[in-house]
Amino acid sequence: MNKDILVCGVGGQGTVLASKLIASAAMNLGNTVHSAETIGMAQRGGSVTSHIRIGEQAYSPMIPHGSADVLLAFEPAEAVRNLAYLKQDGIVIVNSVPVKPVTESLHDTGYDGSDMLTYLQKKCQCILVDAKKLCADFGSTRYFNVAILGVAIGTGRLGLDAETVLNEIEARVPAKFAETNKAAFLAGVKIGETTLP
């Protein structure tokens, strides 16, 4: 299997955990995996980008522009910012709920993510996922990172199976949060299986 997957969002959304779950699940299935993170000012709500390259065709951890099979975006503006990495027949799975940057609270620019989502829908295959709606049953959008990963697994575009990722969640998530994370992941899988662009 050869896959290039780019995960992007802002600090605090759990993008790094999602990328580690993908990478370790792929390795447990016997694949060669390269990964790299560009974290920047993550603790201040800055951009976080993780590159995951699965398979023997990858010779470096960074995905070249125009090569990503899947862009898993936790925030609409981050999806647009990283769209150049997507290959022509790739897919974007994006959170439709924006995370307003600090500059928005200072200047009230009116950013609500809608222009970004419209742009994405015109430019590529796109699945919009509402973090608030998807995570309502779990009491917090903190579970969105595993839920959107579930959506990606459900589409079949990552080339990984749900059981392998569930095992990784069990191994990597603290025990008191594991069951809720697994439930959120499976809710995402269900959406992915029924929401194909």
Protein backbone atom coordinates (compact mmCIF):
# COMPACT_ATOMS: atom_id res chain seq x y z
CA MET A 1 0.00 0.00 0.00
CA ASN A 2 1.23 3.49 -0.85
CA LYS A 3 -0.60 6.46 0.71
CA ASP A 4 0.27 10.07 1.44
CA ILE A 5 -1.91 11.59 4.16
CA LEU A 6 -1.71 15.16 5.42
CA VAL A 7 -3.34 16.04 8.75
CA CYS A 8 -3.75 19.74 9.55
CA GLY A 9 -5.39 21.93 12.15
CA VAL A 10 -4.52 24.30 14.96
CA GLY A 11 -2.91 23.75 18.34
CA GLY A 12 -5.06 21.90 20.85
CA GLN A 13 -7.25 20.01 18.37
CA GLY A 14 -5.47 16.67 18.69
CA THR A 15 -3.98 16.52 15.21
CA VAL A 16 -0.73 14.98 16.45
CA LEU A 17 -2.55 12.12 18.18
CA ALA A 18 -4.60 11.46 15.03
CA SER A 19 -1.44 11.32 12.91
CA LYS A 20 0.28 8.99 15.38
CA LEU A 21 -2.75 6.66 15.33
CA ILE A 22 -2.60 6.52 11.51
CA ALA A 23 1.15 5.93 11.42
CA SER A 24 1.21 3.23 14.11
CA ALA A 25 -1.84 1.44 12.64
CA ALA A 26 -0.13 1.36 9.23
CA MET A 27 3.11 0.04 10.76
CA ASN A 28 1.22 -2.68 12.63
CA LEU A 29 -0.13 -3.85 9.27
CA GLY A 30 3.47 -4.30 8.06
CA ASN A 31 3.88 -1.07 6.11
CA THR A 32 6.90 1.22 5.98
CA VAL A 33 5.87 4.61 7.39
CA HIS A 34 7.59 8.01 7.37
CA SER A 35 6.07 10.91 9.29
CA ALA A 36 6.92 14.48 10.20
CA GLU A 37 5.18 17.28 12.08
CA THR A 38 5.34 21.01 11.57
CA ILE A 39 4.02 22.37 14.84
CA GLY A 40 4.98 26.06 14.88
CA MET A 41 3.10 28.05 17.52
CA ALA A 42 0.78 25.15 18.31
CA GLN A 43 0.38 26.04 21.99
CA ARG A 44 -0.86 29.48 20.98
CA GLY A 45 -3.46 28.17 18.54
CA GLY A 46 -1.06 28.22 15.60
CA SER A 47 -0.97 25.84 12.63
CA VAL A 48 -0.15 22.18 13.10
CA THR A 49 0.62 19.99 10.07
CA SER A 50 1.51 16.29 10.08
CA HIS A 51 2.78 14.44 7.02
CA ILE A 52 2.30 10.66 6.94
CA ARG A 53 3.76 8.66 4.08
CA ILE A 54 2.95 4.96 3.92
CA GLY A 55 4.69 2.49 1.59
CA GLU A 56 7.97 1.81 -0.15
CA GLN A 57 7.59 4.66 -2.65
CA ALA A 58 8.17 7.30 0.03
CA TYR A 59 11.83 8.27 0.42
CA SER A 60 11.32 11.25 2.71
CA PRO A 61 8.77 12.15 5.39
CA MET A 62 7.53 15.32 3.68
CA ILE A 63 4.72 14.99 1.13
CA PRO A 64 5.48 16.82 -2.14
CA HIS A 65 2.88 19.29 -3.42
CA GLY A 66 0.19 17.59 -5.49
CA SER A 67 0.76 14.15 -3.94
CA ALA A 68 -1.52 13.72 -0.89
CA ASP A 69 -4.25 11.12 -1.28
CA VAL A 70 -6.15 12.46 1.74
CA LEU A 71 -6.15 15.85 3.45
CA LEU A 72 -7.64 15.45 6.93
CA ALA A 73 -8.37 19.00 8.06
CA PHE A 74 -9.54 19.95 11.53
CA GLU A 75 -10.24 23.57 10.51
CA PRO A 76 -11.47 25.10 7.19
CA ALA A 77 -8.75 27.76 6.79
CA GLU A 78 -6.06 25.15 7.46
CA ALA A 79 -7.57 22.95 4.74
CA VAL A 80 -7.30 25.81 2.24
CA ARG A 81 -3.78 26.66 3.41
CA ASN A 82 -2.64 23.08 2.73
CA LEU A 83 -4.70 22.37 -0.40
CA ALA A 84 -1.62 22.52 -2.65
CA TYR A 85 -0.52 19.18 -1.20
CA LEU A 86 -3.63 17.37 -2.48
CA LYS A 87 -3.35 15.26 -5.63
CA GLN A 88 -5.89 15.76 -8.41
CA ASP A 89 -8.12 12.83 -7.42
CA GLY A 90 -7.47 13.21 -3.68
CA ILE A 91 -10.10 13.91 -1.05
CA VAL A 92 -10.45 16.54 1.67
CA ILE A 93 -12.27 15.60 4.87
CA VAL A 94 -12.76 18.83 6.79
CA ASN A 95 -14.34 20.09 9.99
CA SER A 96 -17.03 22.59 9.00
CA VAL A 97 -16.76 24.36 12.39
CA PRO A 98 -14.03 27.02 12.32
CA VAL A 99 -11.56 27.73 15.09
CA LYS A 100 -11.32 31.50 15.21
CA PRO A 101 -7.75 32.78 15.40
CA VAL A 102 -6.67 35.29 18.04
CA THR A 103 -6.64 38.02 15.38
CA GLU A 104 -10.39 37.49 14.91
CA SER A 105 -11.12 38.30 18.55
CA LEU A 106 -8.98 41.45 18.28
CA HIS A 107 -10.31 42.81 14.99
CA ASP A 108 -13.68 41.05 14.41
CA THR A 109 -12.95 40.15 10.79
CA GLY A 110 -16.18 38.15 10.51
CA TYR A 111 -14.37 34.85 9.87
CA ASP A 112 -16.82 31.96 10.10
CA GLY A 113 -15.18 29.48 7.73
CA SER A 114 -18.01 29.59 5.16
CA ASP A 115 -15.92 31.17 2.38
CA MET A 116 -13.24 28.53 2.93
CA LEU A 117 -15.76 25.68 2.74
CA THR A 118 -17.31 27.09 -0.45
CA TYR A 119 -13.85 27.34 -2.00
CA LEU A 120 -12.97 23.76 -1.03
CA GLN A 121 -16.21 22.38 -2.46
CA LYS A 122 -15.46 24.07 -5.79
CA LYS A 123 -11.85 22.92 -5.93
CA CYS A 124 -11.88 19.27 -4.82
CA GLN A 125 -13.75 16.21 -3.60
CA CYS A 126 -14.79 17.24 -0.14
CA ILE A 127 -16.59 15.76 2.86
CA LEU A 128 -17.74 18.32 5.44
CA VAL A 129 -17.97 17.07 9.01
CA ASP A 130 -19.65 19.14 11.73
CA ALA A 131 -17.52 18.66 14.88
CA LYS A 132 -20.22 19.93 17.25
CA LYS A 133 -22.91 17.67 15.82
CA LEU A 134 -20.68 14.61 15.58
CA CYS A 135 -19.38 14.99 19.14
CA ALA A 136 -22.65 16.05 20.80
CA ASP A 137 -23.24 12.57 22.27
CA PHE A 138 -19.74 12.50 23.77
CA GLY A 139 -19.96 15.75 25.71
CA SER A 140 -16.99 17.51 24.12
CA THR A 141 -15.47 18.35 20.75
CA ARG A 142 -12.16 17.12 22.20
CA TYR A 143 -13.08 13.74 20.72
CA PHE A 144 -13.28 15.17 17.21
CA ASN A 145 -9.73 14.11 16.34
CA VAL A 146 -10.60 10.42 16.59
CA ALA A 147 -14.08 11.00 15.16
CA ILE A 148 -12.78 12.62 11.95
CA LEU A 149 -10.18 9.85 11.72
CA GLY A 150 -13.13 7.44 11.86
CA VAL A 151 -14.78 9.29 8.97
CA ALA A 152 -11.60 8.88 6.90
CA ILE A 153 -11.40 5.15 7.75
CA GLY A 154 -15.07 4.71 6.84
CA THR A 155 -14.53 6.12 3.35
CA GLY A 156 -11.87 3.47 2.69
CA ARG A 157 -9.47 6.15 1.40
CA LEU A 158 -6.82 5.59 4.08
CA GLY A 159 -6.39 1.90 3.31
CA LEU A 160 -6.61 1.00 7.01
CA ASP A 161 -9.25 -1.04 8.82
CA ALA A 162 -11.24 0.13 11.84
CA GLU A 163 -10.14 -2.73 14.10
CA THR A 164 -6.44 -1.90 13.75
CA VAL A 165 -7.08 1.76 14.59
CA LEU A 166 -9.30 0.79 17.55
CA ASN A 167 -6.40 -1.27 18.91
CA GLU A 168 -4.14 1.79 18.59
CA ILE A 169 -6.67 3.97 20.42
CA GLU A 170 -6.74 1.38 23.22
CA ALA A 171 -2.94 1.39 23.41
CA ARG A 172 -2.31 5.15 23.15
CA VAL A 173 -5.23 6.87 24.87
CA PRO A 174 -5.39 7.01 28.70
CA ALA A 175 -7.68 4.25 29.98
CA LYS A 176 -10.32 6.59 31.45
CA PHE A 177 -10.88 8.18 28.01
CA ALA A 178 -10.42 5.09 25.83
CA GLU A 179 -14.06 3.94 25.64
CA THR A 180 -15.39 7.39 24.74
CA ASN A 181 -12.66 7.80 22.12
CA LYS A 182 -13.54 4.42 20.61
CA ALA A 183 -17.24 5.34 20.53
CA ALA A 184 -16.44 8.66 18.81
CA PHE A 185 -14.21 6.87 16.31
CA LEU A 186 -16.94 4.34 15.44
CA ALA A 187 -19.50 7.16 15.05
CA GLY A 188 -17.11 8.72 12.54
CA VAL A 189 -16.64 5.41 10.71
CA LYS A 190 -20.41 5.16 10.26
CA ILE A 191 -20.51 8.64 8.71
CA GLY A 192 -17.60 7.85 6.40
CA GLU A 193 -19.27 4.69 5.16
CA THR A 194 -22.39 6.59 4.13
CA THR A 195 -20.96 9.96 3.03
CA LEU A 196 -18.95 9.62 -0.12
CA PRO A 197 -18.47 12.63 -2.42
